[in-house]
Amino acid sequence: TSMSCPHVSEIVALLKAYRPEWSPAAINSAIVTTGNTMCFPEENNRFFSLVTDNSGEPIKDAALLSGTFGGDHINPNAAAHPGLVYNAKAPEFTNFLCGLRQEIRNVSTFT
């Protein structure tokens, strides 16, 4: 949405200031792998969601929601301490594209 870009940009800037050695790929990985599914506490420690199933009922099983839309809800504190980041660089992407048997002209666009 129109507000997600400035919010994510600010979080990226904060992460880059906190972890200056991280590459853009590492920052992306930290944000995406530490996101929270958009569920809210309900009585008896159960959860409900703003996302509904095909009958119009809220999806109550958080496992069914994880990864269904983007990287979920960003958790900046968790992203600063993700435990593990995937720090892919150009050679990894080149090898990935070559593994998909992309034409050289398509691979050279990204390298």
PDB file of N, CA and C in Angstrom:
ATOM      1  N   THR A   1       0.838  -1.185   0.000  1.00  0.00           N
ATOM      2  CA  THR A   1       0.000   0.000   0.000  1.00  0.00           C
ATOM      3  C   THR A   1       0.878   1.242   0.000  1.00  0.00           C
ATOM      4  N   SER A   2       0.257   2.380  -0.064  1.00  0.00           N
ATOM      5  CA  SER A   2       1.025   3.621  -0.165  1.00  0.00           C
ATOM      6  C   SER A   2       1.826   3.923   1.095  1.00  0.00           C
ATOM      7  N   MET A   3       1.409   3.424   2.242  1.00  0.00           N
ATOM      8  CA  MET A   3       2.144   3.700   3.480  1.00  0.00           C
ATOM      9  C   MET A   3       3.173   2.624   3.819  1.00  0.00           C
ATOM     10  N   SER A   4       3.109   1.482   3.161  1.00  0.00           N
ATOM     11  CA  SER A   4       4.081   0.442   3.504  1.00  0.00           C
ATOM     12  C   SER A   4       5.493   0.828   3.074  1.00  0.00           C
ATOM     13  N   CYS A   5       5.634   1.493   1.944  1.00  0.00           N
ATOM     14  CA  CYS A   5       6.963   1.854   1.446  1.00  0.00           C
ATOM     15  C   CYS A   5       7.705   2.784   2.416  1.00  0.00           C
ATOM     16  N   PRO A   6       7.097   3.875   2.888  1.00  0.00           N
ATOM     17  CA  PRO A   6       7.846   4.714   3.827  1.00  0.00           C
ATOM     18  C   PRO A   6       8.125   4.017   5.156  1.00  0.00           C
ATOM     19  N   HIS A   7       7.225   3.175   5.602  1.00  0.00           N
ATOM     20  CA  HIS A   7       7.456   2.467   6.857  1.00  0.00           C
ATOM     21  C   HIS A   7       8.599   1.467   6.720  1.00  0.00           C
ATOM     22  N   VAL A   8       8.581   0.702   5.654  1.00  0.00           N
ATOM     23  CA  VAL A   8       9.655  -0.273   5.429  1.00  0.00           C
ATOM     24  C   VAL A   8      10.974   0.454   5.201  1.00  0.00           C
ATOM     25  N   SER A   9      10.949   1.554   4.462  1.00  0.00           N
ATOM     26  CA  SER A   9      12.175   2.318   4.213  1.00  0.00           C
ATOM     27  C   SER A   9      12.790   2.817   5.511  1.00  0.00           C
ATOM     28  N   GLU A  10      11.968   3.275   6.425  1.00  0.00           N
ATOM     29  CA  GLU A  10      12.478   3.746   7.712  1.00  0.00           C
ATOM     30  C   GLU A  10      13.089   2.595   8.513  1.00  0.00           C
ATOM     31  N   ILE A  11      12.436   1.449   8.500  1.00  0.00           N
ATOM     32  CA  ILE A  11      12.967   0.283   9.210  1.00  0.00           C
ATOM     33  C   ILE A  11      14.281  -0.170   8.585  1.00  0.00           C
ATOM     34  N   VAL A  12      14.366  -0.139   7.257  1.00  0.00           N
ATOM     35  CA  VAL A  12      15.618  -0.492   6.571  1.00  0.00           C
ATOM     36  C   VAL A  12      16.722   0.477   6.993  1.00  0.00           C
ATOM     37  N   ALA A  13      16.420   1.783   7.050  1.00  0.00           N
ATOM     38  CA  ALA A  13      17.426   2.769   7.453  1.00  0.00           C
ATOM     39  C   ALA A  13      17.883   2.528   8.892  1.00  0.00           C
ATOM     40  N   LEU A  14      16.946   2.210   9.777  1.00  0.00           N
ATOM     41  CA  LEU A  14      17.315   1.921  11.165  1.00  0.00           C
ATOM     42  C   LEU A  14      18.189   0.672  11.260  1.00  0.00           C
ATOM     43  N   LEU A  15      17.817  -0.374  10.513  1.00  0.00           N
ATOM     44  CA  LEU A  15      18.615  -1.598  10.527  1.00  0.00           C
ATOM     45  C   LEU A  15      20.013  -1.353   9.958  1.00  0.00           C
ATOM     46  N   LYS A  16      20.114  -0.558   8.897  1.00  0.00           N
ATOM     47  CA  LYS A  16      21.418  -0.262   8.300  1.00  0.00           C
ATOM     48  C   LYS A  16      22.286   0.531   9.280  1.00  0.00           C
ATOM     49  N   ALA A  17      21.666   1.435  10.049  1.00  0.00           N
ATOM     50  CA  ALA A  17      22.427   2.186  11.049  1.00  0.00           C
ATOM     51  C   ALA A  17      22.873   1.279  12.193  1.00  0.00           C
ATOM     52  N   TYR A  18      22.022   0.340  12.572  1.00  0.00           N
ATOM     53  CA  TYR A  18      22.335  -0.568  13.675  1.00  0.00           C
ATOM     54  C   TYR A  18      23.318  -1.661  13.259  1.00  0.00           C
ATOM     55  N   ARG A  19      23.185  -2.130  12.025  1.00  0.00           N
ATOM     56  CA  ARG A  19      24.041  -3.202  11.487  1.00  0.00           C
ATOM     57  C   ARG A  19      24.670  -2.725  10.170  1.00  0.00           C
ATOM     58  N   PRO A  20      25.631  -1.795  10.227  1.00  0.00           N
ATOM     59  CA  PRO A  20      26.183  -1.225   8.985  1.00  0.00           C
ATOM     60  C   PRO A  20      26.883  -2.248   8.085  1.00  0.00           C
ATOM     61  N   GLU A  21      27.290  -3.376   8.648  1.00  0.00           N
ATOM     62  CA  GLU A  21      27.978  -4.393   7.839  1.00  0.00           C
ATOM     63  C   GLU A  21      27.015  -5.240   7.014  1.00  0.00           C
ATOM     64  N   TRP A  22      25.719  -5.133   7.266  1.00  0.00           N
ATOM     65  CA  TRP A  22      24.747  -5.947   6.536  1.00  0.00           C
ATOM     66  C   TRP A  22      24.542  -5.433   5.119  1.00  0.00           C
ATOM     67  N   SER A  23      24.421  -6.364   4.193  1.00  0.00           N
ATOM     68  CA  SER A  23      24.113  -6.033   2.800  1.00  0.00           C
ATOM     69  C   SER A  23      22.596  -5.841   2.660  1.00  0.00           C
ATOM     70  N   PRO A  24      22.149  -5.298   1.520  1.00  0.00           N
ATOM     71  CA  PRO A  24      20.702  -5.201   1.296  1.00  0.00           C
ATOM     72  C   PRO A  24      20.005  -6.562   1.376  1.00  0.00           C
ATOM     73  N   ALA A  25      20.665  -7.610   0.901  1.00  0.00           N
ATOM     74  CA  ALA A  25      20.069  -8.951   0.963  1.00  0.00           C
ATOM     75  C   ALA A  25      19.920  -9.418   2.411  1.00  0.00           C
ATOM     76  N   ALA A  26      20.910  -9.115   3.249  1.00  0.00           N
ATOM     77  CA  ALA A  26      20.835  -9.504   4.657  1.00  0.00           C
ATOM     78  C   ALA A  26      19.716  -8.758   5.366  1.00  0.00           C
ATOM     79  N   ILE A  27      19.553  -7.474   5.067  1.00  0.00           N
ATOM     80  CA  ILE A  27      18.474  -6.684   5.682  1.00  0.00           C
ATOM     81  C   ILE A  27      17.118  -7.227   5.241  1.00  0.00           C
ATOM     82  N   ASN A  28      16.987  -7.516   3.958  1.00  0.00           N
ATOM     83  CA  ASN A  28      15.742  -8.098   3.457  1.00  0.00           C
ATOM     84  C   ASN A  28      15.441  -9.413   4.157  1.00  0.00           C
ATOM     85  N   SER A  29      16.442 -10.255   4.276  1.00  0.00           N
ATOM     86  CA  SER A  29      16.266 -11.547   4.930  1.00  0.00           C
ATOM     87  C   SER A  29      15.822 -11.376   6.376  1.00  0.00           C
ATOM     88  N   ALA A  30      16.469 -10.458   7.098  1.00  0.00           N
ATOM     89  CA  ALA A  30      16.123 -10.236   8.498  1.00  0.00           C
ATOM     90  C   ALA A  30      14.677  -9.769   8.647  1.00  0.00           C
ATOM     91  N   ILE A  31      14.255  -8.882   7.771  1.00  0.00           N
ATOM     92  CA  ILE A  31      12.882  -8.368   7.855  1.00  0.00           C
ATOM     93  C   ILE A  31      11.869  -9.461   7.535  1.00  0.00           C
ATOM     94  N   VAL A  32      12.095 -10.193   6.461  1.00  0.00           N
ATOM     95  CA  VAL A  32      11.125 -11.192   6.006  1.00  0.00           C
ATOM     96  C   VAL A  32      11.052 -12.393   6.947  1.00  0.00           C
ATOM     97  N   THR A  33      12.198 -12.831   7.466  1.00  0.00           N
ATOM     98  CA  THR A  33      12.189 -14.042   8.295  1.00  0.00           C
ATOM     99  C   THR A  33      11.765 -13.798   9.734  1.00  0.00           C
ATOM    100  N   THR A  34      11.617 -12.538  10.140  1.00  0.00           N
ATOM    101  CA  THR A  34      11.195 -12.261  11.516  1.00  0.00           C
ATOM    102  C   THR A  34       9.819 -11.622  11.588  1.00  0.00           C
ATOM    103  N   GLY A  35       9.102 -11.582  10.482  1.00  0.00           N
ATOM    104  CA  GLY A  35       7.777 -10.974  10.478  1.00  0.00           C
ATOM    105  C   GLY A  35       6.776 -11.767  11.305  1.00  0.00           C
ATOM    106  N   ASN A  36       5.768 -11.065  11.809  1.00  0.00           N
ATOM    107  CA  ASN A  36       4.696 -11.687  12.580  1.00  0.00           C
ATOM    108  C   ASN A  36       3.440 -11.780  11.728  1.00  0.00           C
ATOM    109  N   THR A  37       2.736 -12.879  11.859  1.00  0.00           N
ATOM    110  CA  THR A  37       1.450 -13.005  11.186  1.00  0.00           C
ATOM    111  C   THR A  37       0.462 -12.062  11.850  1.00  0.00           C
ATOM    112  N   MET A  38      -0.396 -11.461  11.060  1.00  0.00           N
ATOM    113  CA  MET A  38      -1.333 -10.478  11.611  1.00  0.00           C
ATOM    114  C   MET A  38      -2.477 -11.152  12.358  1.00  0.00           C
ATOM    115  N   CYS A  39      -2.203 -11.578  13.582  1.00  0.00           N
ATOM    116  CA  CYS A  39      -3.216 -12.147  14.454  1.00  0.00           C
ATOM    117  C   CYS A  39      -3.257 -11.332  15.737  1.00  0.00           C
ATOM    118  N   PHE A  40      -4.393 -11.309  16.359  1.00  0.00           N
ATOM    119  CA  PHE A  40      -4.566 -10.515  17.561  1.00  0.00           C
ATOM    120  C   PHE A  40      -5.084 -11.408  18.686  1.00  0.00           C
ATOM    121  N   PRO A  41      -4.658 -11.157  19.944  1.00  0.00           N
ATOM    122  CA  PRO A  41      -5.100 -12.004  21.050  1.00  0.00           C
ATOM    123  C   PRO A  41      -6.614 -11.925  21.259  1.00  0.00           C
ATOM    124  N   GLU A  42      -7.155 -13.045  21.592  1.00  0.00           N
ATOM    125  CA  GLU A  42      -8.575 -13.154  21.895  1.00  0.00           C
ATOM    126  C   GLU A  42      -8.668 -13.772  23.282  1.00  0.00           C
ATOM    127  N   GLU A  43      -9.845 -13.909  23.809  1.00  0.00           N
ATOM    128  CA  GLU A  43      -9.983 -14.529  25.125  1.00  0.00           C
ATOM    129  C   GLU A  43      -9.419 -15.945  25.122  1.00  0.00           C
ATOM    130  N   ASN A  44      -9.000 -16.419  26.264  1.00  0.00           N
ATOM    131  CA  ASN A  44      -8.436 -17.761  26.465  1.00  0.00           C
ATOM    132  C   ASN A  44      -7.155 -17.989  25.666  1.00  0.00           C
ATOM    133  N   ASN A  45      -6.386 -16.910  25.448  1.00  0.00           N
ATOM    134  CA  ASN A  45      -5.104 -17.010  24.745  1.00  0.00           C
ATOM    135  C   ASN A  45      -5.215 -17.617  23.352  1.00  0.00           C
ATOM    136  N   ARG A  46      -6.340 -17.486  22.720  1.00  0.00           N
ATOM    137  CA  ARG A  46      -6.499 -17.912  21.338  1.00  0.00           C
ATOM    138  C   ARG A  46      -6.304 -16.689  20.464  1.00  0.00           C
ATOM    139  N   PHE A  47      -6.186 -16.889  19.169  1.00  0.00           N
ATOM    140  CA  PHE A  47      -5.942 -15.778  18.271  1.00  0.00           C
ATOM    141  C   PHE A  47      -7.033 -15.695  17.213  1.00  0.00           C
ATOM    142  N   PHE A  48      -7.267 -14.493  16.749  1.00  0.00           N
ATOM    143  CA  PHE A  48      -8.137 -14.327  15.598  1.00  0.00           C
ATOM    144  C   PHE A  48      -7.429 -13.434  14.595  1.00  0.00           C
ATOM    145  N   SER A  49      -7.889 -13.453  13.389  1.00  0.00           N
ATOM    146  CA  SER A  49      -7.214 -12.749  12.310  1.00  0.00           C
ATOM    147  C   SER A  49      -8.189 -11.869  11.549  1.00  0.00           C
ATOM    148  N   LEU A  50      -7.635 -10.851  10.888  1.00  0.00           N
ATOM    149  CA  LEU A  50      -8.448 -10.027   9.997  1.00  0.00           C
ATOM    150  C   LEU A  50      -8.677 -10.715   8.664  1.00  0.00           C
ATOM    151  N   VAL A  51      -7.951 -11.794   8.416  1.00  0.00           N
ATOM    152  CA  VAL A  51      -8.092 -12.553   7.183  1.00  0.00           C
ATOM    153  C   VAL A  51      -9.134 -13.633   7.413  1.00  0.00           C
ATOM    154  N   THR A  52     -10.032 -13.809   6.439  1.00  0.00           N
ATOM    155  CA  THR A  52     -11.115 -14.773   6.617  1.00  0.00           C
ATOM    156  C   THR A  52     -10.964 -15.952   5.660  1.00  0.00           C
ATOM    157  N   ASP A  53     -11.593 -17.049   6.041  1.00  0.00           N
ATOM    158  CA  ASP A  53     -11.575 -18.230   5.175  1.00  0.00           C
ATOM    159  C   ASP A  53     -12.700 -18.126   4.145  1.00  0.00           C
ATOM    160  N   ASN A  54     -12.911 -19.197   3.379  1.00  0.00           N
ATOM    161  CA  ASN A  54     -13.907 -19.130   2.303  1.00  0.00           C
ATOM    162  C   ASN A  54     -15.350 -19.072   2.797  1.00  0.00           C
ATOM    163  N   SER A  55     -15.571 -19.294   4.096  1.00  0.00           N
ATOM    164  CA  SER A  55     -16.924 -19.163   4.640  1.00  0.00           C
ATOM    165  C   SER A  55     -17.137 -17.807   5.296  1.00  0.00           C
ATOM    166  N   GLY A  56     -16.103 -16.943   5.260  1.00  0.00           N
ATOM    167  CA  GLY A  56     -16.221 -15.619   5.859  1.00  0.00           C
ATOM    168  C   GLY A  56     -15.847 -15.582   7.328  1.00  0.00           C
ATOM    169  N   GLU A  57     -15.468 -16.721   7.884  1.00  0.00           N
ATOM    170  CA  GLU A  57     -15.058 -16.789   9.287  1.00  0.00           C
ATOM    171  C   GLU A  57     -13.583 -16.418   9.412  1.00  0.00           C
ATOM    172  N   PRO A  58     -13.201 -15.768  10.524  1.00  0.00           N
ATOM    173  CA  PRO A  58     -11.776 -15.460  10.710  1.00  0.00           C
ATOM    174  C   PRO A  58     -10.941 -16.741  10.781  1.00  0.00           C
ATOM    175  N   ILE A  59      -9.757 -16.697  10.212  1.00  0.00           N
ATOM    176  CA  ILE A  59      -8.842 -17.831  10.296  1.00  0.00           C
ATOM    177  C   ILE A  59      -8.202 -17.792  11.678  1.00  0.00           C
ATOM    178  N   LYS A  60      -8.416 -18.838  12.471  1.00  0.00           N
ATOM    179  CA  LYS A  60      -7.934 -18.847  13.851  1.00  0.00           C
ATOM    180  C   LYS A  60      -6.638 -19.611  14.023  1.00  0.00           C
ATOM    181  N   ASP A  61      -6.228 -20.375  13.033  1.00  0.00           N
ATOM    182  CA  ASP A  61      -4.985 -21.123  13.113  1.00  0.00           C
ATOM    183  C   ASP A  61      -3.875 -20.284  12.473  1.00  0.00           C
ATOM    184  N   ALA A  62      -3.003 -19.713  13.310  1.00  0.00           N
ATOM    185  CA  ALA A  62      -1.957 -18.820  12.811  1.00  0.00           C
ATOM    186  C   ALA A  62      -1.030 -19.514  11.822  1.00  0.00           C
ATOM    187  N   ALA A  63      -0.869 -20.824  11.936  1.00  0.00           N
ATOM    188  CA  ALA A  63       0.005 -21.551  11.018  1.00  0.00           C
ATOM    189  C   ALA A  63      -0.509 -21.466   9.588  1.00  0.00           C
ATOM    190  N   LEU A  64      -1.805 -21.336   9.411  1.00  0.00           N
ATOM    191  CA  LEU A  64      -2.372 -21.238   8.066  1.00  0.00           C
ATOM    192  C   LEU A  64      -2.130 -19.874   7.441  1.00  0.00           C
ATOM    193  N   LEU A  65      -1.853 -18.868   8.274  1.00  0.00           N
ATOM    194  CA  LEU A  65      -1.654 -17.515   7.763  1.00  0.00           C
ATOM    195  C   LEU A  65      -0.213 -17.198   7.416  1.00  0.00           C
ATOM    196  N   SER A  66       0.719 -17.853   8.051  1.00  0.00           N
ATOM    197  CA  SER A  66       2.120 -17.490   7.901  1.00  0.00           C
ATOM    198  C   SER A  66       2.550 -17.516   6.437  1.00  0.00           C
ATOM    199  N   GLY A  67       3.071 -16.389   5.985  1.00  0.00           N
ATOM    200  CA  GLY A  67       3.590 -16.293   4.627  1.00  0.00           C
ATOM    201  C   GLY A  67       2.529 -16.171   3.550  1.00  0.00           C
ATOM    202  N   THR A  68       1.255 -15.974   3.924  1.00  0.00           N
ATOM    203  CA  THR A  68       0.222 -15.899   2.905  1.00  0.00           C
ATOM    204  C   THR A  68       0.192 -14.553   2.216  1.00  0.00           C
ATOM    205  N   PHE A  69       0.785 -13.548   2.841  1.00  0.00           N
ATOM    206  CA  PHE A  69       0.844 -12.254   2.183  1.00  0.00           C
ATOM    207  C   PHE A  69       2.143 -11.573   2.578  1.00  0.00           C
ATOM    208  N   GLY A  70       3.029 -11.408   1.612  1.00  0.00           N
ATOM    209  CA  GLY A  70       4.300 -10.743   1.849  1.00  0.00           C
ATOM    210  C   GLY A  70       5.114 -11.396   2.944  1.00  0.00           C
ATOM    211  N   GLY A  71       5.848 -10.580   3.672  1.00  0.00           N
ATOM    212  CA  GLY A  71       6.664 -11.065   4.774  1.00  0.00           C
ATOM    213  C   GLY A  71       5.943 -10.915   6.090  1.00  0.00           C
ATOM    214  N   ASP A  72       4.660 -10.863   6.064  1.00  0.00           N
ATOM    215  CA  ASP A  72       3.836 -10.675   7.248  1.00  0.00           C
ATOM    216  C   ASP A  72       4.041  -9.273   7.817  1.00  0.00           C
ATOM    217  N   HIS A  73       3.711  -9.071   9.087  1.00  0.00           N
ATOM    218  CA  HIS A  73       3.824  -7.768   9.744  1.00  0.00           C
ATOM    219  C   HIS A  73       5.253  -7.598  10.248  1.00  0.00           C
ATOM    220  N   ILE A  74       5.914  -6.499   9.895  1.00  0.00           N
ATOM    221  CA  ILE A  74       7.327  -6.307  10.248  1.00  0.00           C
ATOM    222  C   ILE A  74       7.494  -6.118  11.749  1.00  0.00           C
ATOM    223  N   ASN A  75       8.494  -6.804  12.301  1.00  0.00           N
ATOM    224  CA  ASN A  75       8.863  -6.675  13.707  1.00  0.00           C
ATOM    225  C   ASN A  75      10.294  -6.129  13.742  1.00  0.00           C
ATOM    226  N   PRO A  76      10.470  -4.788  13.838  1.00  0.00           N
ATOM    227  CA  PRO A  76      11.808  -4.202  13.747  1.00  0.00           C
ATOM    228  C   PRO A  76      12.773  -4.710  14.816  1.00  0.00           C
ATOM    229  N   ASN A  77      12.295  -4.913  16.032  1.00  0.00           N
ATOM    230  CA  ASN A  77      13.176  -5.399  17.097  1.00  0.00           C
ATOM    231  C   ASN A  77      13.690  -6.796  16.785  1.00  0.00           C
ATOM    232  N   ALA A  78      12.817  -7.651  16.301  1.00  0.00           N
ATOM    233  CA  ALA A  78      13.234  -9.007  15.941  1.00  0.00           C
ATOM    234  C   ALA A  78      14.168  -8.980  14.728  1.00  0.00           C
ATOM    235  N   ALA A  79      13.913  -8.072  13.791  1.00  0.00           N
ATOM    236  CA  ALA A  79      14.760  -7.983  12.596  1.00  0.00           C
ATOM    237  C   ALA A  79      16.182  -7.547  12.948  1.00  0.00           C
ATOM    238  N   ALA A  80      16.331  -6.782  14.015  1.00  0.00           N
ATOM    239  CA  ALA A  80      17.663  -6.349  14.436  1.00  0.00           C
ATOM    240  C   ALA A  80      18.469  -7.508  15.026  1.00  0.00           C
ATOM    241  N   HIS A  81      17.777  -8.538  15.502  1.00  0.00           N
ATOM    242  CA  HIS A  81      18.426  -9.706  16.120  1.00  0.00           C
ATOM    243  C   HIS A  81      17.804 -10.992  15.567  1.00  0.00           C
ATOM    244  N   PRO A  82      17.951 -11.245  14.259  1.00  0.00           N
ATOM    245  CA  PRO A  82      17.232 -12.362  13.649  1.00  0.00           C
ATOM    246  C   PRO A  82      17.799 -13.744  13.947  1.00  0.00           C
ATOM    247  N   GLY A  83      19.035 -13.813  14.372  1.00  0.00           N
ATOM    248  CA  GLY A  83      19.647 -15.114  14.603  1.00  0.00           C
ATOM    249  C   GLY A  83      20.323 -15.653  13.353  1.00  0.00           C
ATOM    250  N   LEU A  84      19.664 -15.564  12.229  1.00  0.00           N
ATOM    251  CA  LEU A  84      20.210 -16.070  10.970  1.00  0.00           C
ATOM    252  C   LEU A  84      19.708 -15.184   9.840  1.00  0.00           C
ATOM    253  N   VAL A  85      20.609 -14.781   8.958  1.00  0.00           N
ATOM    254  CA  VAL A  85      20.203 -14.041   7.765  1.00  0.00           C
ATOM    255  C   VAL A  85      20.783 -14.735   6.539  1.00  0.00           C
ATOM    256  N   TYR A  86      20.074 -14.649   5.449  1.00  0.00           N
ATOM    257  CA  TYR A  86      20.540 -15.177   4.174  1.00  0.00           C
ATOM    258  C   TYR A  86      21.176 -14.024   3.418  1.00  0.00           C
ATOM    259  N   ASN A  87      22.496 -14.027   3.333  1.00  0.00           N
ATOM    260  CA  ASN A  87      23.228 -12.916   2.747  1.00  0.00           C
ATOM    261  C   ASN A  87      23.647 -13.256   1.324  1.00  0.00           C
ATOM    262  N   ALA A  88      22.685 -13.296   0.429  1.00  0.00           N
ATOM    263  CA  ALA A  88      22.965 -13.636  -0.969  1.00  0.00           C
ATOM    264  C   ALA A  88      23.583 -12.442  -1.685  1.00  0.00           C
ATOM    265  N   LYS A  89      24.559 -12.721  -2.517  1.00  0.00           N
ATOM    266  CA  LYS A  89      25.201 -11.684  -3.319  1.00  0.00           C
ATOM    267  C   LYS A  89      25.050 -12.048  -4.798  1.00  0.00           C
ATOM    268  N   ALA A  90      25.570 -11.201  -5.674  1.00  0.00           N
ATOM    269  CA  ALA A  90      25.399 -11.387  -7.123  1.00  0.00           C
ATOM    270  C   ALA A  90      25.773 -12.780  -7.613  1.00  0.00           C
ATOM    271  N   PRO A  91      26.905 -13.374  -7.176  1.00  0.00           N
ATOM    272  CA  PRO A  91      27.223 -14.722  -7.686  1.00  0.00           C
ATOM    273  C   PRO A  91      26.156 -15.763  -7.351  1.00  0.00           C
ATOM    274  N   GLU A  92      25.555 -15.661  -6.183  1.00  0.00           N
ATOM    275  CA  GLU A  92      24.498 -16.614  -5.830  1.00  0.00           C
ATOM    276  C   GLU A  92      23.291 -16.460  -6.750  1.00  0.00           C
ATOM    277  N   PHE A  93      22.912 -15.197  -7.047  1.00  0.00           N
ATOM    278  CA  PHE A  93      21.781 -14.970  -7.942  1.00  0.00           C
ATOM    279  C   PHE A  93      22.115 -15.419  -9.365  1.00  0.00           C
ATOM    280  N   THR A  94      23.350 -15.175  -9.793  1.00  0.00           N
ATOM    281  CA  THR A  94      23.766 -15.625 -11.120  1.00  0.00           C
ATOM    282  C   THR A  94      23.685 -17.138 -11.216  1.00  0.00           C
ATOM    283  N   ASN A  95      24.216 -17.827 -10.218  1.00  0.00           N
ATOM    284  CA  ASN A  95      24.157 -19.296 -10.211  1.00  0.00           C
ATOM    285  C   ASN A  95      22.714 -19.789 -10.181  1.00  0.00           C
ATOM    286  N   PHE A  96      21.856 -19.095  -9.418  1.00  0.00           N
ATOM    287  CA  PHE A  96      20.443 -19.471  -9.358  1.00  0.00           C
ATOM    288  C   PHE A  96      19.789 -19.331 -10.733  1.00  0.00           C
ATOM    289  N   LEU A  97      20.011 -18.193 -11.381  1.00  0.00           N
ATOM    290  CA  LEU A  97      19.412 -17.975 -12.701  1.00  0.00           C
ATOM    291  C   LEU A  97      19.962 -18.953 -13.731  1.00  0.00           C
ATOM    292  N   CYS A  98      21.255 -19.224 -13.662  1.00  0.00           N
ATOM    293  CA  CYS A  98      21.837 -20.203 -14.585  1.00  0.00           C
ATOM    294  C   CYS A  98      21.254 -21.588 -14.327  1.00  0.00           C
ATOM    295  N   GLY A  99      20.999 -21.897 -13.059  1.00  0.00           N
ATOM    296  CA  GLY A  99      20.392 -23.180 -12.707  1.00  0.00           C
ATOM    297  C   GLY A  99      18.977 -23.317 -13.252  1.00  0.00           C
ATOM    298  N   LEU A 100      18.315 -22.196 -13.462  1.00  0.00           N
ATOM    299  CA  LEU A 100      16.973 -22.205 -14.059  1.00  0.00           C
ATOM    300  C   LEU A 100      17.038 -22.269 -15.579  1.00  0.00           C
ATOM    301  N   ARG A 101      18.257 -22.342 -16.096  1.00  0.00           N
ATOM    302  CA  ARG A 101      18.517 -22.401 -17.535  1.00  0.00           C
ATOM    303  C   ARG A 101      18.001 -21.156 -18.266  1.00  0.00           C
ATOM    304  N   GLN A 102      18.244 -19.998 -17.648  1.00  0.00           N
ATOM    305  CA  GLN A 102      17.902 -18.735 -18.284  1.00  0.00           C
ATOM    306  C   GLN A 102      18.880 -18.447 -19.414  1.00  0.00           C
ATOM    307  N   GLU A 103      18.440 -17.730 -20.408  1.00  0.00           N
ATOM    308  CA  GLU A 103      19.326 -17.344 -21.495  1.00  0.00           C
ATOM    309  C   GLU A 103      20.361 -16.344 -20.973  1.00  0.00           C
ATOM    310  N   ILE A 104      21.551 -16.347 -21.563  1.00  0.00           N
ATOM    311  CA  ILE A 104      22.641 -15.469 -21.127  1.00  0.00           C
ATOM    312  C   ILE A 104      22.208 -14.005 -21.102  1.00  0.00           C
ATOM    313  N   ARG A 105      21.441 -13.574 -22.097  1.00  0.00           N
ATOM    314  CA  ARG A 105      21.036 -12.165 -22.131  1.00  0.00           C
ATOM    315  C   ARG A 105      20.150 -11.826 -20.940  1.00  0.00           C
ATOM    316  N   ASN A 106      19.345 -12.775 -20.457  1.00  0.00           N
ATOM    317  CA  ASN A 106      18.520 -12.529 -19.283  1.00  0.00           C
ATOM    318  C   ASN A 106      19.374 -12.500 -18.013  1.00  0.00           C
ATOM    319  N   VAL A 107      20.344 -13.380 -17.915  1.00  0.00           N
ATOM    320  CA  VAL A 107      21.224 -13.419 -16.746  1.00  0.00           C
ATOM    321  C   VAL A 107      22.073 -12.153 -16.698  1.00  0.00           C
ATOM    322  N   SER A 108      22.575 -11.707 -17.839  1.00  0.00           N
ATOM    323  CA  SER A 108      23.440 -10.528 -17.858  1.00  0.00           C
ATOM    324  C   SER A 108      22.700  -9.261 -17.454  1.00  0.00           C
ATOM    325  N   THR A 109      21.377  -9.251 -17.544  1.00  0.00           N
ATOM    326  CA  THR A 109      20.586  -8.117 -17.095  1.00  0.00           C
ATOM    327  C   THR A 109      20.759  -7.897 -15.595  1.00  0.00           C
ATOM    328  N   PHE A 110      20.921  -8.995 -14.854  1.00  0.00           N
ATOM    329  CA  PHE A 110      20.996  -8.917 -13.402  1.00  0.00           C
ATOM    330  C   PHE A 110      22.415  -8.862 -12.862  1.00  0.00           C
ATOM    331  N   THR A 111      23.407  -9.093 -13.710  1.00  0.00           N
ATOM    332  CA  THR A 111      24.781  -9.141 -13.208  1.00  0.00           C
ATOM    333  C   THR A 111      25.590  -7.944 -13.651  1.00  0.00           C
TER     334      THR A 111
END
